[in-house]
Protein backbone atom coordinates (compact mmCIF):
# COMPACT_ATOMS: atom_id res chain seq x y z
CA MET A 1 10.17 -3.58 11.17
CA LYS A 2 13.03 -1.32 11.46
CA VAL A 3 16.95 -3.09 11.91
CA LEU A 4 19.97 -1.70 12.59
CA CYS A 5 23.02 -3.66 12.22
CA CYS A 6 26.24 -2.22 13.59
CA VAL A 7 29.84 -3.61 12.34
CA LEU A 8 33.23 -1.91 12.78
CA PRO A 9 34.90 -1.37 9.33
CA GLN A 10 36.28 -5.24 8.90
CA LEU A 11 35.48 -6.90 5.86
CA THR A 12 35.24 -10.50 7.26
CA HIS A 13 32.98 -9.27 10.49
CA PHE A 14 30.70 -7.56 8.09
CA TYR A 15 30.68 -10.23 5.90
CA ALA A 16 29.44 -12.74 8.24
CA LEU A 17 26.39 -10.48 8.85
CA ALA A 18 25.86 -9.51 5.35
CA PRO A 19 23.24 -12.65 4.41
CA ILE A 20 21.38 -12.53 7.34
CA ALA A 21 20.77 -8.54 6.28
CA TRP A 22 19.62 -9.80 3.21
CA ALA A 23 17.34 -12.23 4.39
CA LEU A 24 15.32 -9.26 6.79
CA ARG A 25 15.52 -7.23 3.73
CA THR A 26 14.00 -9.42 1.17
CA ALA A 27 11.41 -10.92 3.81
CA GLY A 28 10.06 -6.37 3.76
CA HIS A 29 11.95 -5.13 6.68
CA GLU A 30 13.85 -2.00 6.65
CA VAL A 31 17.28 -2.88 7.13
CA ARG A 32 20.25 -0.27 7.29
CA VAL A 33 24.17 -1.23 8.16
CA ALA A 34 25.88 1.22 10.19
CA SER A 35 29.56 1.83 10.11
CA THR A 36 32.34 4.45 9.43
CA PRO A 37 31.96 6.54 6.18
CA GLY A 38 35.08 4.88 4.69
CA PHE A 39 33.33 1.43 5.12
CA THR A 40 30.14 2.99 2.85
CA ASP A 41 31.55 1.02 -0.73
CA ALA A 42 31.71 -2.16 1.38
CA ILE A 43 28.17 -1.94 2.50
CA THR A 44 26.82 -0.88 -0.61
CA ARG A 45 28.61 -3.38 -2.78
CA ALA A 46 26.59 -6.19 -0.99
CA GLY A 47 23.36 -4.32 -2.05
CA LEU A 48 22.63 -2.96 1.47
CA THR A 49 21.60 0.55 2.69
CA ALA A 50 24.45 2.39 3.99
CA VAL A 51 24.67 4.60 7.30
CA PRO A 52 27.71 6.58 7.86
CA LEU A 53 28.46 7.71 11.06
CA GLY A 54 31.00 9.30 13.27
CA HIS A 55 34.45 8.98 11.35
CA ASP A 56 36.87 6.97 10.08
CA PRO A 57 39.83 5.40 12.73
CA GLU A 58 43.06 7.07 12.24
CA PRO A 59 45.39 4.37 10.67
CA ASP A 60 47.81 2.58 13.05
CA PRO A 61 51.37 3.77 12.78
CA GLU A 62 53.54 2.05 10.67
CA ASP A 63 56.34 0.19 13.22
CA GLU A 64 58.68 -2.15 11.33
CA THR A 65 61.17 -2.64 14.26
CA PRO A 66 62.02 -6.08 15.23
CA GLU A 67 60.16 -5.83 18.52
CA ALA A 68 57.02 -4.26 17.08
CA GLN A 69 56.55 -7.34 14.41
CA GLU A 70 57.44 -9.55 17.56
CA ALA A 71 54.53 -8.36 19.19
CA LEU A 72 52.19 -8.34 16.49
CA ASP A 73 53.17 -11.82 15.97
CA ALA A 74 52.37 -12.86 19.50
CA LEU A 75 49.11 -11.42 19.18
CA ARG A 76 48.51 -12.83 16.10
CA ARG A 77 49.40 -16.99 17.53
CA GLY A 78 46.39 -18.03 18.45
CA LEU A 79 43.71 -16.74 20.99
CA PRO A 80 45.48 -13.98 22.95
CA LYS A 81 44.90 -13.28 26.22
CA PRO A 82 42.68 -14.04 28.31
CA TYR A 83 40.48 -15.25 25.69
CA ASP A 84 42.90 -18.57 25.90
CA LEU A 85 40.33 -19.29 28.72
CA ALA A 86 37.81 -20.40 26.10
CA GLU A 87 40.22 -23.55 25.49
CA PHE A 88 39.97 -24.65 28.89
CA ASP A 89 37.73 -26.77 31.14
CA PRO A 90 36.59 -24.03 33.54
CA ASP A 91 37.36 -25.79 36.17
CA ARG A 92 40.86 -25.68 35.00
CA ALA A 93 40.96 -22.42 34.12
CA ASP A 94 42.78 -19.56 36.50
CA TRP A 95 43.09 -15.56 36.22
CA THR A 96 47.07 -14.56 36.21
CA GLU A 97 48.23 -11.16 36.32
CA GLU A 98 49.13 -11.48 32.77
CA ARG A 99 45.45 -12.50 31.92
CA ALA A 100 44.52 -9.56 33.93
CA GLU A 101 46.55 -7.06 32.32
CA ALA A 102 45.60 -8.51 28.42
CA PHE A 103 42.08 -7.98 29.71
CA GLU A 104 42.22 -4.58 30.62
CA MET A 105 43.97 -3.76 27.47
CA MET A 106 41.76 -5.40 25.23
CA VAL A 107 39.19 -3.45 27.05
CA THR A 108 40.65 -0.34 26.20
CA TYR A 109 41.76 -0.68 22.99
CA ALA A 110 39.46 -3.41 20.97
CA PHE A 111 36.87 -2.57 22.63
CA GLY A 112 37.45 1.28 24.07
CA GLU A 113 39.25 2.94 21.06
CA ASP A 114 38.21 0.74 18.14
CA ASN A 115 34.54 1.41 19.01
CA GLU A 116 35.05 5.35 19.49
CA PRO A 117 34.93 6.57 16.15
CA LEU A 118 31.53 4.96 15.28
CA LEU A 119 29.75 5.02 19.53
CA ASP A 120 28.05 8.47 19.51
CA GLY A 121 26.79 8.65 15.84
CA ALA A 122 25.43 5.14 16.46
CA VAL A 123 23.54 6.28 19.64
CA GLU A 124 22.35 8.70 18.00
CA PHE A 125 21.19 7.68 15.14
CA ALA A 126 19.34 5.01 17.08
CA ARG A 127 17.44 7.47 19.21
CA ALA A 128 16.49 9.21 15.98
CA TRP A 129 15.20 6.18 14.00
CA ARG A 130 14.04 3.65 16.46
CA PRO A 131 14.72 0.62 15.33
CA ASP A 132 13.32 -2.44 16.66
CA LEU A 133 15.96 -4.64 16.38
CA VAL A 134 19.72 -4.58 16.57
CA LEU A 135 22.26 -6.99 15.12
CA TRP A 136 26.02 -6.66 15.85
CA GLU A 137 28.94 -8.65 15.35
CA PRO A 138 30.93 -9.32 18.56
CA PHE A 139 33.51 -6.50 18.72
CA THR A 140 30.73 -3.99 18.24
CA TYR A 141 29.69 -2.90 21.42
CA SER A 142 28.52 0.47 19.66
CA GLY A 143 25.36 -1.61 18.47
CA ALA A 144 24.46 -2.93 22.16
CA LEU A 145 24.66 0.84 23.08
CA ALA A 146 22.45 2.13 20.59
CA ALA A 147 19.90 -0.79 21.19
CA HIS A 148 19.75 0.13 24.66
CA ALA A 149 19.97 3.81 24.20
CA CYS A 150 16.08 3.50 21.94
CA GLY A 151 14.70 0.04 23.88
CA ALA A 152 15.61 -1.92 20.77
CA ALA A 153 16.19 -5.86 21.07
CA HIS A 154 19.49 -6.81 20.21
CA GLY A 155 21.82 -9.75 19.13
CA ARG A 156 25.33 -10.88 18.52
CA VAL A 157 26.17 -12.39 15.16
CA LEU A 158 29.36 -14.62 15.42
CA PHE A 159 31.84 -14.78 12.72
CA GLY A 160 33.68 -17.82 14.30
CA THR A 161 34.05 -19.58 17.64
CA ASP A 162 32.66 -17.10 20.38
CA PHE A 163 35.70 -17.21 22.68
CA LEU A 164 34.40 -13.20 23.36
CA GLY A 165 31.28 -14.16 25.03
CA ILE A 166 32.69 -17.46 26.85
CA THR A 167 35.97 -15.55 28.61
CA HIS A 168 33.62 -12.58 29.41
CA GLU A 169 30.95 -15.03 30.94
CA TRP A 170 34.00 -17.01 33.21
CA ILE A 171 35.40 -13.34 34.01
CA ARG A 172 31.99 -12.40 35.46
CA GLU A 173 31.54 -15.28 37.42
CA HIS A 174 35.31 -15.45 38.79
CA VAL A 175 36.84 -11.96 38.65
CA PRO A 176 35.93 -9.12 41.07
CA GLU A 177 37.42 -6.73 38.56
CA ASP A 178 35.50 -6.90 35.57
CA HIS A 179 37.09 -4.14 33.22
CA LEU A 180 34.56 -5.04 30.56
CA THR A 181 31.48 -4.24 32.79
CA ARG A 182 33.44 -1.22 33.99
CA TRP A 183 33.94 0.09 30.68
CA LEU A 184 30.40 -0.40 29.69
CA THR A 185 28.82 1.10 32.71
CA GLU A 186 31.07 4.33 32.15
CA THR A 187 30.49 4.52 28.29
CA ALA A 188 26.45 3.63 29.27
CA ALA A 189 26.31 6.65 31.83
CA ARG A 190 27.89 8.93 29.05
CA HIS A 191 25.27 8.75 27.42
CA GLY A 192 22.37 9.52 30.04
CA LEU A 193 21.71 5.44 30.52
CA PRO A 194 22.29 2.87 33.02
CA TYR A 195 24.24 -0.29 33.14
CA ALA A 196 22.21 -3.17 31.72
CA ASP A 197 23.61 -6.85 31.98
CA HIS A 198 22.63 -7.44 28.07
CA LEU A 199 24.70 -4.88 26.93
CA ARG A 200 27.85 -7.79 27.69
CA ALA A 201 26.12 -10.30 24.78
CA GLY A 202 23.28 -9.11 23.71
CA HIS A 203 19.51 -10.46 24.40
CA PHE A 204 20.97 -13.57 21.94
CA THR A 205 23.71 -14.45 19.78
CA LEU A 206 23.73 -16.40 16.11
CA ASP A 207 25.89 -18.78 15.75
CA GLN A 208 27.22 -19.97 12.33
CA LEU A 209 29.00 -22.63 13.09
CA PRO A 210 27.12 -25.99 13.10
CA PRO A 211 27.01 -27.94 16.51
CA SER A 212 29.59 -30.63 15.96
CA LEU A 213 31.69 -27.67 15.03
CA ALA A 214 30.33 -24.77 17.69
CA VAL A 215 32.29 -23.41 20.43
CA SER A 216 29.29 -20.87 22.01
CA ARG A 217 26.78 -21.07 25.03
CA GLU A 218 23.24 -20.53 24.31
CA ALA A 219 23.55 -19.71 20.86
CA ILE A 220 20.65 -19.93 18.15
CA ALA A 221 22.42 -22.13 15.34
CA THR A 222 22.04 -20.63 11.73
CA ARG A 223 23.31 -22.06 8.64
CA PHE A 224 26.26 -20.42 7.13
CA VAL A 225 25.80 -18.54 3.74
CA PRO A 226 29.28 -17.76 2.26
CA TYR A 227 29.49 -13.82 1.06
CA GLY A 228 33.17 -12.90 -0.21
CA GLY A 229 32.63 -9.39 -1.49
CA ALA A 230 31.86 -8.76 -5.15
CA ALA A 231 33.11 -11.19 -7.22
CA VAL A 232 33.46 -12.65 -10.88
CA VAL A 233 33.46 -16.59 -11.34
CA PRO A 234 36.24 -17.20 -14.06
CA SER A 235 35.18 -20.03 -16.91
CA TRP A 236 37.73 -22.79 -15.48
CA VAL A 237 36.30 -22.89 -12.10
CA THR A 238 33.34 -24.27 -13.85
CA ARG A 239 34.63 -26.45 -15.89
CA ARG A 240 35.37 -30.50 -14.44
CA PRO A 241 38.79 -30.90 -13.37
CA GLU A 242 40.67 -33.71 -15.13
CA ARG A 243 42.09 -34.45 -11.93
CA PRO A 244 41.83 -34.25 -8.24
CA ARG A 245 41.55 -30.12 -7.47
CA VAL A 246 42.97 -29.48 -4.20
CA ALA A 247 42.53 -25.67 -2.91
CA LEU A 248 44.98 -23.92 -1.11
CA THR A 249 44.35 -20.58 0.31
CA LEU A 250 45.81 -18.83 3.32
CA GLY A 251 43.13 -16.16 3.94
CA THR A 252 43.15 -12.56 2.57
CA SER A 253 44.13 -10.56 5.94
CA ALA A 254 47.43 -12.64 6.38
CA THR A 255 49.52 -10.06 4.68
CA GLU A 256 47.87 -7.51 6.23
CA TYR A 257 50.00 -8.89 9.46
CA SER A 258 53.67 -10.34 8.95
CA GLY A 259 52.81 -12.55 5.99
CA TYR A 260 51.74 -15.93 5.30
CA THR A 261 52.99 -18.54 8.22
CA VAL A 262 54.20 -21.23 5.62
CA ASN A 263 55.99 -21.67 3.24
CA VAL A 264 53.81 -21.45 0.06
CA ALA A 265 56.59 -22.36 -2.54
CA ASP A 266 57.41 -25.29 -0.51
CA ILE A 267 54.39 -26.66 -0.49
CA LEU A 268 53.40 -26.23 -4.04
CA THR A 269 56.57 -27.91 -4.36
CA ALA A 270 55.99 -30.85 -2.38
CA LEU A 271 52.82 -31.14 -3.85
CA SER A 272 53.84 -30.95 -7.58
CA THR A 273 54.71 -34.91 -7.44
CA MET A 274 51.20 -35.83 -6.92
CA ASP A 275 48.62 -36.61 -9.45
CA ILE A 276 46.24 -33.71 -8.59
CA GLU A 277 45.32 -30.11 -9.64
CA VAL A 278 46.32 -27.13 -7.15
CA VAL A 279 44.33 -24.14 -7.23
CA ALA A 280 46.37 -21.71 -5.04
CA THR A 281 45.20 -18.21 -4.17
CA VAL A 282 48.13 -15.88 -3.65
CA ALA A 283 48.53 -12.19 -2.79
CA ASP A 284 49.87 -10.39 -5.44
CA SER A 285 52.53 -8.84 -3.17
CA GLU A 286 53.62 -12.67 -2.31
CA ARG A 287 53.75 -13.93 -5.80
CA ASP A 288 57.40 -12.95 -6.88
CA ALA A 289 58.06 -15.55 -3.86
CA LEU A 290 57.04 -18.29 -5.45
CA GLY A 291 59.71 -18.71 -8.20
CA THR A 292 58.93 -21.11 -10.67
CA ILE A 293 55.06 -22.73 -10.23
CA PRO A 294 54.93 -26.11 -10.73
CA ASP A 295 53.33 -27.84 -13.71
CA ASN A 296 49.87 -28.80 -11.83
CA ALA A 297 49.25 -25.92 -9.96
CA ARG A 298 47.21 -23.08 -10.56
CA VAL A 299 48.09 -19.43 -8.78
CA VAL A 300 45.84 -16.55 -9.12
CA SER A 301 45.26 -13.93 -6.50
CA TYR A 302 41.46 -14.75 -5.79
CA VAL A 303 38.49 -16.92 -6.73
CA PRO A 304 35.22 -16.41 -5.24
CA LEU A 305 35.30 -19.70 -2.84
CA ASP A 306 32.23 -20.97 -2.38
CA ALA A 307 32.28 -21.37 -6.26
CA LEU A 308 35.53 -23.16 -5.69
CA ALA A 309 34.74 -25.75 -3.02
CA ALA A 310 31.96 -26.70 -4.99
CA THR A 311 34.63 -28.28 -7.37
CA CYS A 312 37.17 -29.35 -4.96
CA THR A 313 38.05 -32.91 -3.83
CA ALA A 314 39.93 -31.48 -0.98
CA ALA A 315 41.67 -28.18 0.57
CA ILE A 316 44.52 -26.99 2.40
CA HIS A 317 43.66 -24.23 4.56
CA HIS A 318 44.62 -21.78 7.53
CA GLY A 319 41.63 -22.18 9.37
CA GLY A 320 39.73 -19.19 9.09
CA PHE A 321 35.97 -19.24 9.87
CA GLY A 322 35.11 -18.16 6.50
CA THR A 323 37.24 -20.70 4.73
CA LEU A 324 36.90 -23.42 7.47
CA ALA A 325 32.79 -22.65 6.68
CA THR A 326 32.70 -22.51 3.26
CA PHE A 327 34.43 -25.92 2.37
CA SER A 328 32.37 -27.69 5.16
CA ARG A 329 29.14 -27.11 3.69
CA HIS A 330 29.97 -28.69 0.34
CA GLY A 331 31.74 -31.75 2.36
CA VAL A 332 34.84 -31.06 1.29
CA PRO A 333 37.74 -32.84 3.41
CA GLN A 334 40.20 -30.43 4.89
CA LEU A 335 43.83 -30.04 5.76
CA VAL A 336 44.20 -27.23 8.61
CA LEU A 337 47.68 -25.29 9.36
CA PRO A 338 46.26 -22.82 12.02
CA TYR A 339 48.18 -19.86 13.36
CA ASP A 340 45.71 -17.14 13.90
CA PHE A 341 43.40 -16.34 16.60
CA ASP A 342 40.92 -19.05 17.12
CA ALA A 343 41.58 -21.27 14.14
CA PRO A 344 43.98 -23.55 15.80
CA LEU A 345 40.91 -24.28 18.31
CA LEU A 346 38.72 -24.71 15.05
CA ALA A 347 40.95 -26.74 13.19
CA ARG A 348 41.01 -29.18 16.61
CA LYS A 349 37.31 -29.55 15.94
CA LEU A 350 36.88 -30.25 12.45
CA ALA A 351 39.92 -33.00 13.64
CA ALA A 352 38.04 -34.41 16.07
CA GLN A 353 34.71 -34.09 13.90
CA GLY A 354 36.29 -36.56 11.20
CA THR A 355 36.32 -33.89 8.24
CA GLY A 356 40.30 -32.54 8.43
CA LEU A 357 43.68 -32.92 9.91
CA THR A 358 45.17 -30.36 11.41
CA VAL A 359 49.64 -29.61 11.05
CA HIS A 360 50.56 -26.56 13.36
CA SER A 361 51.73 -23.81 10.81
CA ASP A 362 55.15 -24.01 12.66
CA VAL A 363 55.71 -27.68 11.15
CA ALA A 364 54.12 -27.38 8.11
CA SER A 365 56.80 -28.25 5.83
CA GLY A 366 56.17 -29.17 2.42
CA PRO A 367 56.44 -32.83 2.48
CA ALA A 368 54.14 -32.56 6.52
CA VAL A 369 51.72 -31.19 4.27
CA ARG A 370 51.93 -33.57 1.34
CA ASP A 371 51.78 -36.58 3.52
CA ALA A 372 48.74 -35.05 5.30
CA LEU A 373 47.12 -34.68 2.16
CA SER A 374 47.66 -38.22 0.96
CA LYS A 375 45.60 -39.40 3.88
CA LEU A 376 42.67 -36.96 3.44
CA LEU A 377 42.48 -38.34 -0.42
CA THR A 378 42.86 -41.99 0.02
CA ASP A 379 41.19 -42.49 3.47
CA PRO A 380 37.25 -42.55 2.25
CA ALA A 381 36.61 -41.68 5.99
CA PHE A 382 36.96 -38.13 5.30
CA ARG A 383 34.96 -37.91 2.71
CA THR A 384 32.25 -39.98 4.99
CA ARG A 385 32.64 -37.25 7.86
CA GLY A 386 32.86 -34.60 5.14
CA THR A 387 29.05 -35.78 3.90
CA ALA A 388 27.72 -35.72 7.39
CA LEU A 389 28.92 -32.47 8.40
CA ARG A 390 27.57 -31.04 5.39
CA GLU A 391 24.00 -32.73 5.73
CA GLU A 392 24.31 -31.51 9.36
CA ILE A 393 24.83 -27.96 7.95
CA ALA A 394 22.18 -28.52 5.24
CA ALA A 395 19.77 -29.24 8.05
CA LEU A 396 20.13 -25.76 9.86
CA PRO A 397 17.88 -23.00 9.40
CA GLY A 398 19.30 -20.31 6.96
CA PRO A 399 19.09 -17.18 7.14
CA ASN A 400 15.91 -16.74 5.45
CA ASP A 401 14.08 -19.66 7.71
CA LEU A 402 15.47 -17.49 10.55
CA VAL A 403 13.55 -14.14 9.86
CA ALA A 404 10.36 -15.00 12.11
CA HIS A 405 12.43 -16.25 15.19
CA LEU A 406 14.24 -13.18 15.13
CA GLU A 407 10.62 -10.87 14.53
CA GLN A 408 9.95 -12.72 17.92
CA LEU A 409 12.77 -12.12 19.47
CA ALA A 410 12.75 -8.39 18.47
CA ALA A 411 8.67 -8.45 20.03
CA LYS A 412 10.17 -10.09 23.13
CA HIS A 413 12.77 -8.19 23.94
CA ARG A 414 12.31 -4.53 22.66
CA THR A 415 10.84 -1.52 25.24
CA PRO A 416 8.55 1.21 24.49
């Protein structure tokens, strides 16, 4: 069958989708990945066939005023409104004017404006190529509309919690003025299409978090396979560490916002008193702020995380989906210092499962991190629960096991 994958030009969104695209390709299906032209190299470096469509988005104008930075920081802190509703019991959630305004802004910009460069080209290509199945990450509504234009089955591939789907479902059930449905109706009509309810969240959803960590509704659980782009594994990674190895990583996208949310130098200094080997991934732009590197620390700009995780006794990180899921598949106890988007929610799920501890980045001083890490390293319960989580993940169907199910879903939902 023909499979079209649609992604906005965002690496983290695409990386979560790539292993599933590989599985479909190696099973003999014809796979194309559609995004804007400037994202072509990222797709082809992953060994996949790119379809550059539309035009590249205009870069956001730089605004370094305190007011702009404050607004960016507020957006980055936890789940933005109204998507904080995903953290509430549905019976306790409420719809406020602030949430209504934030939702309208989200639909206008994060869905409407961000999809605009790709949308028309995706619909046109789908009508010409006639895919049987379209896969899209939850922000790329271009994929849903492209599938609708040609009658293809389509589904979302999550790259974290399904805070979008949960919130949108709650809004549809409780809010008379649903901006998402209105936008989808207007956008579909622009392409000569009627509104269809499956445009909101696809015919199905694939969740790459194990059930004990998942925050989703009626999703198909599949095993996460790490992919972080083209990389080389340094020889030191594979040498057996002489002391317990602890990874410290705060994500590759943090510096695109307002920088790290914890003091890395303070943490490295605090950990220098422990009999461990620290491997810290720190962006080159932040390296000078570290000062003198402690003797028990190795600071690198990047290392393939899956290779590093396999050698670690514990990990300290920001709680991003890819990072948390990678360490989880190796059963590594984790100290999460969350801040961004759904990271606080994921950190709480991990702590409840028993594999980790969480210290919010607002209070993650060097001593606080050292004390929490000491608990991870000395209490065997974290390793026991980590092993249980690793086994839970290993028992899930991987991308290759999922192909037959995707073939069935395509046959069930596609229309002539």
